[in-house]
Amino acid sequence: MENLSTRALLRLPTCAILSSVRFLVILAALLPLSSLSASVTEHVILCGGPALRKWENLRIEGERHDKWWANFIRASTLRMAGIRLREGRQAKLIWIVYRPGYLTRATEDGKPYTTWIQEQATKRNCTLIWVNSGPQAIAAINSRPRRSITTFDFFGHSNRYAFLLDYSNAIMAISKAWIHERELGKLRRWVFAKGAVCQSFGCHTGESMSKVWRSRVGVRLIGADGKTDYSMVGQGRLPTVSGSWVR
């Protein structure tokens, strides 16, 4: 449509001027929407922290957790590699990691684990967001652009009712940081893309939390009916489930 000068507008009949103005108003209203059509696509990984050996060594052998500090870290990087293979180098990765657990385990083992995690994030060209609590993890998820999260994965301890960001670290067999299913309503539904693929690789989340997630968040959460096993992540395999995946 040819632009109308002020003088040309003054020569037009009133009805024509109103039609032209109405068209421009509609066009201006549509422009922001068109810019949103090319939305950001992101892949979010939430990573819990490891237990301390000083607590876990008090358990019987078959019930000990996290002999390797990097179970959840390695599982995260395996998932990143899979996303890169499928989506390409341009895929945007967001890695939300519970920092206190790695600080305390680093002190126990005498290793610079948080530095190594940062190096992995840099190497894999992903955005690393450190969090210190469940509310901070929720805020980090909520900070993502509208409809941007196309995949979401959780690697960490859990039970049927909650992601346990901390477990058997500050206190033996107790969690001090979590996202409970009662808190899922605090997640902004609109940061998740329609049909987003979400999965928890924690134990038992398919037994209750998956149902509440779908109700509160609006997309499915694949969860485990039974325990998950991280023993093979060091050999390049994602965690498996002793029972079945609930979809």
C-alpha atoms as a PDB file:
ATOM      1  CA  MET A   1       0.000   0.000   0.000  1.00  0.00           C
ATOM      2  CA  GLU A   2       1.429   3.405  -1.003  1.00  0.00           C
ATOM      3  CA  ASN A   3       2.192   5.713   1.952  1.00  0.00           C
ATOM      4  CA  LEU A   4      -0.187   8.647   2.301  1.00  0.00           C
ATOM      5  CA  SER A   5       1.254  12.111   2.932  1.00  0.00           C
ATOM      6  CA  THR A   6      -0.506  14.522   5.270  1.00  0.00           C
ATOM      7  CA  ARG A   7      -1.600  16.710   2.317  1.00  0.00           C
ATOM      8  CA  ALA A   8      -2.945  13.687   0.449  1.00  0.00           C
ATOM      9  CA  LEU A   9      -4.864  12.597   3.510  1.00  0.00           C
ATOM     10  CA  LEU A  10      -6.494  16.033   3.776  1.00  0.00           C
ATOM     11  CA  ARG A  11      -7.798  15.709   0.207  1.00  0.00           C
ATOM     12  CA  LEU A  12      -9.435  12.343   0.878  1.00  0.00           C
ATOM     13  CA  PRO A  13     -13.078  11.980   1.895  1.00  0.00           C
ATOM     14  CA  THR A  14     -13.629  11.441   5.618  1.00  0.00           C
ATOM     15  CA  CYS A  15     -14.630   7.796   5.103  1.00  0.00           C
ATOM     16  CA  ALA A  16     -11.384   7.117   3.189  1.00  0.00           C
ATOM     17  CA  ILE A  17      -9.306   8.754   5.923  1.00  0.00           C
ATOM     18  CA  LEU A  18     -11.030   6.627   8.572  1.00  0.00           C
ATOM     19  CA  SER A  19     -10.425   3.472   6.530  1.00  0.00           C
ATOM     20  CA  SER A  20      -6.738   4.351   6.110  1.00  0.00           C
ATOM     21  CA  VAL A  21      -6.290   5.102   9.811  1.00  0.00           C
ATOM     22  CA  ARG A  22      -8.136   1.924  10.741  1.00  0.00           C
ATOM     23  CA  PHE A  23      -5.833  -0.095   8.483  1.00  0.00           C
ATOM     24  CA  LEU A  24      -2.721   1.461  10.034  1.00  0.00           C
ATOM     25  CA  VAL A  25      -3.981   0.761  13.559  1.00  0.00           C
ATOM     26  CA  ILE A  26      -4.634  -2.873  12.688  1.00  0.00           C
ATOM     27  CA  LEU A  27      -1.215  -3.169  11.009  1.00  0.00           C
ATOM     28  CA  ALA A  28       0.538  -1.720  14.077  1.00  0.00           C
ATOM     29  CA  ALA A  29      -1.315  -4.172  16.328  1.00  0.00           C
ATOM     30  CA  LEU A  30      -0.295  -7.125  14.180  1.00  0.00           C
ATOM     31  CA  LEU A  31       3.424  -6.328  13.961  1.00  0.00           C
ATOM     32  CA  PRO A  32       4.319  -7.400  17.519  1.00  0.00           C
ATOM     33  CA  LEU A  33       2.419 -10.649  17.009  1.00  0.00           C
ATOM     34  CA  SER A  34       4.302 -11.421  13.823  1.00  0.00           C
ATOM     35  CA  SER A  35       7.604 -10.880  15.595  1.00  0.00           C
ATOM     36  CA  LEU A  36       6.527 -13.426  18.223  1.00  0.00           C
ATOM     37  CA  SER A  37       5.860 -16.087  15.600  1.00  0.00           C
ATOM     38  CA  ALA A  38       9.604 -16.705  15.332  1.00  0.00           C
ATOM     39  CA  SER A  39       9.720 -17.729  19.021  1.00  0.00           C
ATOM     40  CA  VAL A  40      12.802 -18.843  20.936  1.00  0.00           C
ATOM     41  CA  THR A  41      13.254 -22.603  21.326  1.00  0.00           C
ATOM     42  CA  GLU A  42      15.001 -23.808  24.476  1.00  0.00           C
ATOM     43  CA  HIS A  43      15.907 -27.101  26.136  1.00  0.00           C
ATOM     44  CA  VAL A  44      15.910 -26.890  29.938  1.00  0.00           C
ATOM     45  CA  ILE A  45      17.709 -29.362  32.196  1.00  0.00           C
ATOM     46  CA  LEU A  46      17.241 -29.206  35.985  1.00  0.00           C
ATOM     47  CA  CYS A  47      20.000 -30.966  37.922  1.00  0.00           C
ATOM     48  CA  GLY A  48      19.928 -31.881  41.611  1.00  0.00           C
ATOM     49  CA  GLY A  49      22.916 -32.369  43.910  1.00  0.00           C
ATOM     50  CA  PRO A  50      24.690 -35.490  45.218  1.00  0.00           C
ATOM     51  CA  ALA A  51      24.650 -37.062  48.671  1.00  0.00           C
ATOM     52  CA  LEU A  52      27.702 -36.944  50.937  1.00  0.00           C
ATOM     53  CA  ARG A  53      29.714 -40.113  51.418  1.00  0.00           C
ATOM     54  CA  LYS A  54      29.995 -39.532  55.182  1.00  0.00           C
ATOM     55  CA  TRP A  55      26.265 -40.236  55.412  1.00  0.00           C
ATOM     56  CA  GLU A  56      25.879 -42.836  52.685  1.00  0.00           C
ATOM     57  CA  ASN A  57      28.731 -44.996  53.987  1.00  0.00           C
ATOM     58  CA  LEU A  58      26.635 -45.561  57.124  1.00  0.00           C
ATOM     59  CA  ARG A  59      24.015 -47.402  55.047  1.00  0.00           C
ATOM     60  CA  ILE A  60      24.122 -51.055  54.079  1.00  0.00           C
ATOM     61  CA  GLU A  61      25.878 -51.549  50.754  1.00  0.00           C
ATOM     62  CA  GLY A  62      22.796 -52.080  48.620  1.00  0.00           C
ATOM     63  CA  GLU A  63      21.144 -48.824  49.767  1.00  0.00           C
ATOM     64  CA  ARG A  64      24.037 -46.396  49.267  1.00  0.00           C
ATOM     65  CA  HIS A  65      23.665 -43.452  46.882  1.00  0.00           C
ATOM     66  CA  ASP A  66      26.018 -41.355  44.771  1.00  0.00           C
ATOM     67  CA  LYS A  67      29.308 -43.192  45.073  1.00  0.00           C
ATOM     68  CA  TRP A  68      30.228 -41.089  42.042  1.00  0.00           C
ATOM     69  CA  TRP A  69      29.691 -37.386  42.580  1.00  0.00           C
ATOM     70  CA  ALA A  70      28.802 -36.735  38.909  1.00  0.00           C
ATOM     71  CA  ASN A  71      25.844 -39.075  38.341  1.00  0.00           C
ATOM     72  CA  PHE A  72      23.441 -36.216  37.628  1.00  0.00           C
ATOM     73  CA  ILE A  73      26.048 -34.049  35.910  1.00  0.00           C
ATOM     74  CA  ARG A  74      27.048 -36.796  33.483  1.00  0.00           C
ATOM     75  CA  ALA A  75      23.412 -37.663  32.798  1.00  0.00           C
ATOM     76  CA  SER A  76      22.815 -33.970  32.005  1.00  0.00           C
ATOM     77  CA  THR A  77      25.696 -33.813  29.538  1.00  0.00           C
ATOM     78  CA  LEU A  78      24.541 -37.037  27.864  1.00  0.00           C
ATOM     79  CA  ARG A  79      21.136 -35.448  27.372  1.00  0.00           C
ATOM     80  CA  MET A  80      22.787 -32.317  25.958  1.00  0.00           C
ATOM     81  CA  ALA A  81      24.727 -34.443  23.478  1.00  0.00           C
ATOM     82  CA  GLY A  82      21.513 -36.134  22.367  1.00  0.00           C
ATOM     83  CA  ILE A  83      19.787 -32.787  21.852  1.00  0.00           C
ATOM     84  CA  ARG A  84      22.743 -31.456  19.861  1.00  0.00           C
ATOM     85  CA  LEU A  85      22.747 -34.571  17.684  1.00  0.00           C
ATOM     86  CA  ARG A  86      19.059 -34.139  16.916  1.00  0.00           C
ATOM     87  CA  GLU A  87      18.697 -30.335  16.867  1.00  0.00           C
ATOM     88  CA  GLY A  88      22.170 -29.208  15.777  1.00  0.00           C
ATOM     89  CA  ARG A  89      24.747 -26.838  17.221  1.00  0.00           C
ATOM     90  CA  GLN A  90      22.278 -23.941  17.273  1.00  0.00           C
ATOM     91  CA  ALA A  91      20.043 -25.607  19.911  1.00  0.00           C
ATOM     92  CA  LYS A  92      19.779 -23.413  23.009  1.00  0.00           C
ATOM     93  CA  LEU A  93      20.520 -25.321  26.223  1.00  0.00           C
ATOM     94  CA  ILE A  94      19.615 -24.028  29.698  1.00  0.00           C
ATOM     95  CA  TRP A  95      21.237 -25.933  32.600  1.00  0.00           C
ATOM     96  CA  ILE A  96      19.806 -25.203  36.059  1.00  0.00           C
ATOM     97  CA  VAL A  97      22.045 -26.773  38.731  1.00  0.00           C
ATOM     98  CA  TYR A  98      21.607 -26.957  42.519  1.00  0.00           C
ATOM     99  CA  ARG A  99      24.931 -25.486  43.660  1.00  0.00           C
ATOM    100  CA  PRO A 100      25.098 -26.184  47.451  1.00  0.00           C
ATOM    101  CA  GLY A 101      25.224 -29.953  46.962  1.00  0.00           C
ATOM    102  CA  TYR A 102      28.282 -29.717  44.726  1.00  0.00           C
ATOM    103  CA  LEU A 103      30.023 -27.265  47.044  1.00  0.00           C
ATOM    104  CA  THR A 104      29.729 -29.580  50.044  1.00  0.00           C
ATOM    105  CA  ARG A 105      30.654 -32.693  48.049  1.00  0.00           C
ATOM    106  CA  ALA A 106      33.629 -30.790  46.624  1.00  0.00           C
ATOM    107  CA  THR A 107      34.815 -30.018  50.168  1.00  0.00           C
ATOM    108  CA  GLU A 108      34.370 -33.645  51.181  1.00  0.00           C
ATOM    109  CA  ASP A 109      36.262 -34.999  48.157  1.00  0.00           C
ATOM    110  CA  GLY A 110      38.808 -32.182  47.876  1.00  0.00           C
ATOM    111  CA  LYS A 111      37.871 -31.492  44.239  1.00  0.00           C
ATOM    112  CA  PRO A 112      36.811 -28.296  42.400  1.00  0.00           C
ATOM    113  CA  TYR A 113      33.454 -29.665  41.255  1.00  0.00           C
ATOM    114  CA  THR A 114      31.712 -26.333  40.656  1.00  0.00           C
ATOM    115  CA  THR A 115      34.635 -25.234  38.471  1.00  0.00           C
ATOM    116  CA  TRP A 116      34.399 -28.471  36.491  1.00  0.00           C
ATOM    117  CA  ILE A 117      30.652 -28.003  36.030  1.00  0.00           C
ATOM    118  CA  GLN A 118      31.219 -24.469  34.736  1.00  0.00           C
ATOM    119  CA  GLU A 119      33.838 -25.822  32.324  1.00  0.00           C
ATOM    120  CA  GLN A 120      31.337 -28.403  31.031  1.00  0.00           C
ATOM    121  CA  ALA A 121      28.771 -25.654  30.465  1.00  0.00           C
ATOM    122  CA  THR A 122      31.300 -23.588  28.526  1.00  0.00           C
ATOM    123  CA  LYS A 123      32.469 -26.585  26.506  1.00  0.00           C
ATOM    124  CA  ARG A 124      28.901 -27.462  25.568  1.00  0.00           C
ATOM    125  CA  ASN A 125      27.837 -23.887  24.878  1.00  0.00           C
ATOM    126  CA  CYS A 126      24.942 -23.939  27.330  1.00  0.00           C
ATOM    127  CA  THR A 127      23.641 -21.313  29.735  1.00  0.00           C
ATOM    128  CA  LEU A 128      24.419 -22.375  33.325  1.00  0.00           C
ATOM    129  CA  ILE A 129      22.100 -21.083  36.052  1.00  0.00           C
ATOM    130  CA  TRP A 130      23.132 -21.873  39.631  1.00  0.00           C
ATOM    131  CA  VAL A 131      20.321 -22.132  42.192  1.00  0.00           C
ATOM    132  CA  ASN A 132      20.345 -22.575  45.963  1.00  0.00           C
ATOM    133  CA  SER A 133      16.744 -23.604  46.649  1.00  0.00           C
ATOM    134  CA  GLY A 134      13.515 -24.918  45.188  1.00  0.00           C
ATOM    135  CA  PRO A 135      11.972 -21.428  44.847  1.00  0.00           C
ATOM    136  CA  GLN A 136      15.077 -20.266  42.954  1.00  0.00           C
ATOM    137  CA  ALA A 137      14.760 -23.256  40.603  1.00  0.00           C
ATOM    138  CA  ILE A 138      11.102 -22.385  39.939  1.00  0.00           C
ATOM    139  CA  ALA A 139      12.086 -18.749  39.315  1.00  0.00           C
ATOM    140  CA  ALA A 140      14.784 -19.874  36.856  1.00  0.00           C
ATOM    141  CA  ILE A 141      12.253 -21.927  34.895  1.00  0.00           C
ATOM    142  CA  ASN A 142       9.738 -19.072  34.978  1.00  0.00           C
ATOM    143  CA  SER A 143      12.355 -16.669  33.598  1.00  0.00           C
ATOM    144  CA  ARG A 144      12.385 -18.378  30.207  1.00  0.00           C
ATOM    145  CA  PRO A 145      10.634 -16.675  27.252  1.00  0.00           C
ATOM    146  CA  ARG A 146       7.000 -17.398  26.445  1.00  0.00           C
ATOM    147  CA  ARG A 147       6.431 -20.835  24.880  1.00  0.00           C
ATOM    148  CA  SER A 148      10.193 -21.395  24.624  1.00  0.00           C
ATOM    149  CA  ILE A 149      10.688 -24.632  26.593  1.00  0.00           C
ATOM    150  CA  THR A 150      10.315 -27.488  24.118  1.00  0.00           C
ATOM    151  CA  THR A 151      12.058 -30.101  26.282  1.00  0.00           C
ATOM    152  CA  PHE A 152      12.500 -30.283  30.050  1.00  0.00           C
ATOM    153  CA  ASP A 153      14.491 -32.940  31.915  1.00  0.00           C
ATOM    154  CA  PHE A 154      15.164 -33.491  35.609  1.00  0.00           C
ATOM    155  CA  PHE A 155      18.164 -35.460  36.842  1.00  0.00           C
ATOM    156  CA  GLY A 156      18.383 -35.938  40.587  1.00  0.00           C
ATOM    157  CA  HIS A 157      16.901 -37.633  43.613  1.00  0.00           C
ATOM    158  CA  SER A 158      13.136 -37.655  43.939  1.00  0.00           C
ATOM    159  CA  ASN A 159      10.175 -39.420  45.429  1.00  0.00           C
ATOM    160  CA  ARG A 160       6.636 -39.779  44.140  1.00  0.00           C
ATOM    161  CA  TYR A 161       5.738 -36.288  45.358  1.00  0.00           C
ATOM    162  CA  ALA A 162       8.783 -34.094  44.707  1.00  0.00           C
ATOM    163  CA  PHE A 163      12.016 -33.338  42.880  1.00  0.00           C
ATOM    164  CA  LEU A 164      14.639 -33.477  45.650  1.00  0.00           C
ATOM    165  CA  LEU A 165      17.346 -30.988  44.709  1.00  0.00           C
ATOM    166  CA  ASP A 166      19.175 -31.967  47.890  1.00  0.00           C
ATOM    167  CA  TYR A 167      19.201 -35.422  49.477  1.00  0.00           C
ATOM    168  CA  SER A 168      21.390 -36.928  52.193  1.00  0.00           C
ATOM    169  CA  ASN A 169      23.794 -34.021  51.897  1.00  0.00           C
ATOM    170  CA  ALA A 170      23.079 -31.615  54.733  1.00  0.00           C
ATOM    171  CA  ILE A 171      21.310 -34.319  56.772  1.00  0.00           C
ATOM    172  CA  MET A 172      21.412 -38.087  56.308  1.00  0.00           C
ATOM    173  CA  ALA A 173      18.449 -39.380  54.254  1.00  0.00           C
ATOM    174  CA  ILE A 174      16.709 -35.970  54.436  1.00  0.00           C
ATOM    175  CA  SER A 175      16.107 -33.306  51.782  1.00  0.00           C
ATOM    176  CA  LYS A 176      16.438 -29.585  52.508  1.00  0.00           C
ATOM    177  CA  ALA A 177      15.637 -28.315  48.992  1.00  0.00           C
ATOM    178  CA  TRP A 178      12.873 -29.532  46.705  1.00  0.00           C
ATOM    179  CA  ILE A 179      10.056 -28.769  44.292  1.00  0.00           C
ATOM    180  CA  HIS A 180       6.950 -30.476  45.676  1.00  0.00           C
ATOM    181  CA  GLU A 181       3.959 -31.344  43.512  1.00  0.00           C
ATOM    182  CA  ARG A 182       1.927 -28.863  45.600  1.00  0.00           C
ATOM    183  CA  GLU A 183       4.229 -26.120  44.273  1.00  0.00           C
ATOM    184  CA  LEU A 184       3.838 -26.950  40.577  1.00  0.00           C
ATOM    185  CA  GLY A 185       1.114 -24.334  40.273  1.00  0.00           C
ATOM    186  CA  LYS A 186       3.862 -21.726  40.756  1.00  0.00           C
ATOM    187  CA  LEU A 187       5.357 -22.680  37.395  1.00  0.00           C
ATOM    188  CA  ARG A 188       4.208 -20.412  34.551  1.00  0.00           C
ATOM    189  CA  ARG A 189       2.389 -22.640  32.108  1.00  0.00           C
ATOM    190  CA  TRP A 190       3.099 -20.249  29.243  1.00  0.00           C
ATOM    191  CA  VAL A 191       6.890 -20.755  29.309  1.00  0.00           C
ATOM    192  CA  PHE A 192       6.315 -24.305  28.013  1.00  0.00           C
ATOM    193  CA  ALA A 193       5.691 -24.812  24.309  1.00  0.00           C
ATOM    194  CA  LYS A 194       2.575 -26.638  23.253  1.00  0.00           C
ATOM    195  CA  GLY A 195       3.465 -30.324  23.217  1.00  0.00           C
ATOM    196  CA  ALA A 196       6.705 -29.826  25.178  1.00  0.00           C
ATOM    197  CA  VAL A 197       8.424 -33.125  26.020  1.00  0.00           C
ATOM    198  CA  CYS A 198       9.151 -33.281  29.766  1.00  0.00           C
ATOM    199  CA  GLN A 199      10.762 -36.155  31.647  1.00  0.00           C
ATOM    200  CA  SER A 200      11.923 -36.819  35.207  1.00  0.00           C
ATOM    201  CA  PHE A 201      14.792 -39.266  35.630  1.00  0.00           C
ATOM    202  CA  GLY A 202      14.261 -39.340  39.396  1.00  0.00           C
ATOM    203  CA  CYS A 203      12.778 -42.285  41.273  1.00  0.00           C
ATOM    204  CA  HIS A 204       8.997 -42.723  41.573  1.00  0.00           C
ATOM    205  CA  THR A 205       7.828 -39.415  40.046  1.00  0.00           C
ATOM    206  CA  GLY A 206       5.491 -41.284  37.690  1.00  0.00           C
ATOM    207  CA  GLU A 207       3.533 -42.554  40.694  1.00  0.00           C
ATOM    208  CA  SER A 208       1.976 -39.178  41.563  1.00  0.00           C
ATOM    209  CA  MET A 209       3.902 -36.129  40.415  1.00  0.00           C
ATOM    210  CA  SER A 210       3.429 -36.791  36.693  1.00  0.00           C
ATOM    211  CA  LYS A 211      -0.350 -36.533  37.046  1.00  0.00           C
ATOM    212  CA  VAL A 212      -0.163 -33.287  39.025  1.00  0.00           C
ATOM    213  CA  TRP A 213       2.397 -31.839  36.581  1.00  0.00           C
ATOM    214  CA  ARG A 214       0.038 -32.360  33.656  1.00  0.00           C
ATOM    215  CA  SER A 215      -2.802 -30.738  35.576  1.00  0.00           C
ATOM    216  CA  ARG A 216      -0.798 -27.709  36.729  1.00  0.00           C
ATOM    217  CA  VAL A 217       1.657 -27.199  33.854  1.00  0.00           C
ATOM    218  CA  GLY A 218      -0.522 -28.353  30.967  1.00  0.00           C
ATOM    219  CA  VAL A 219       1.914 -30.815  29.366  1.00  0.00           C
ATOM    220  CA  ARG A 220       2.861 -34.401  30.158  1.00  0.00           C
ATOM    221  CA  LEU A 221       5.730 -35.340  32.483  1.00  0.00           C
ATOM    222  CA  ILE A 222       7.211 -38.760  31.751  1.00  0.00           C
ATOM    223  CA  GLY A 223       8.105 -40.235  35.142  1.00  0.00           C
ATOM    224  CA  ALA A 224       9.324 -43.459  36.681  1.00  0.00           C
ATOM    225  CA  ASP A 225       7.049 -46.037  38.244  1.00  0.00           C
ATOM    226  CA  GLY A 226       9.802 -47.520  40.374  1.00  0.00           C
ATOM    227  CA  LYS A 227      13.433 -46.613  40.986  1.00  0.00           C
ATOM    228  CA  THR A 228      15.810 -45.164  38.418  1.00  0.00           C
ATOM    229  CA  ASP A 229      19.351 -46.475  37.966  1.00  0.00           C
ATOM    230  CA  TYR A 230      22.286 -44.188  37.146  1.00  0.00           C
ATOM    231  CA  SER A 231      24.958 -46.891  37.241  1.00  0.00           C
ATOM    232  CA  MET A 232      25.484 -46.824  33.461  1.00  0.00           C
ATOM    233  CA  VAL A 233      25.774 -43.072  32.878  1.00  0.00           C
ATOM    234  CA  GLY A 234      29.556 -43.365  33.084  1.00  0.00           C
ATOM    235  CA  GLN A 235      29.350 -45.697  30.077  1.00  0.00           C
ATOM    236  CA  GLY A 236      27.325 -43.183  28.081  1.00  0.00           C
ATOM    237  CA  ARG A 237      23.773 -44.380  28.776  1.00  0.00           C
ATOM    238  CA  LEU A 238      20.921 -42.373  30.234  1.00  0.00           C
ATOM    239  CA  PRO A 239      19.347 -43.673  33.483  1.00  0.00           C
ATOM    240  CA  THR A 240      17.040 -46.657  33.263  1.00  0.00           C
ATOM    241  CA  VAL A 241      13.980 -47.539  35.368  1.00  0.00           C
ATOM    242  CA  SER A 242      13.424 -50.708  37.382  1.00  0.00           C
ATOM    243  CA  GLY A 243       9.688 -50.611  36.647  1.00  0.00           C
ATOM    244  CA  SER A 244       8.263 -48.616  33.751  1.00  0.00           C
ATOM    245  CA  TRP A 245       8.000 -45.087  32.391  1.00  0.00           C
ATOM    246  CA  VAL A 246       4.623 -43.446  32.952  1.00  0.00           C
ATOM    247  CA  ARG A 247       3.649 -41.135  30.091  1.00  0.00           C
END
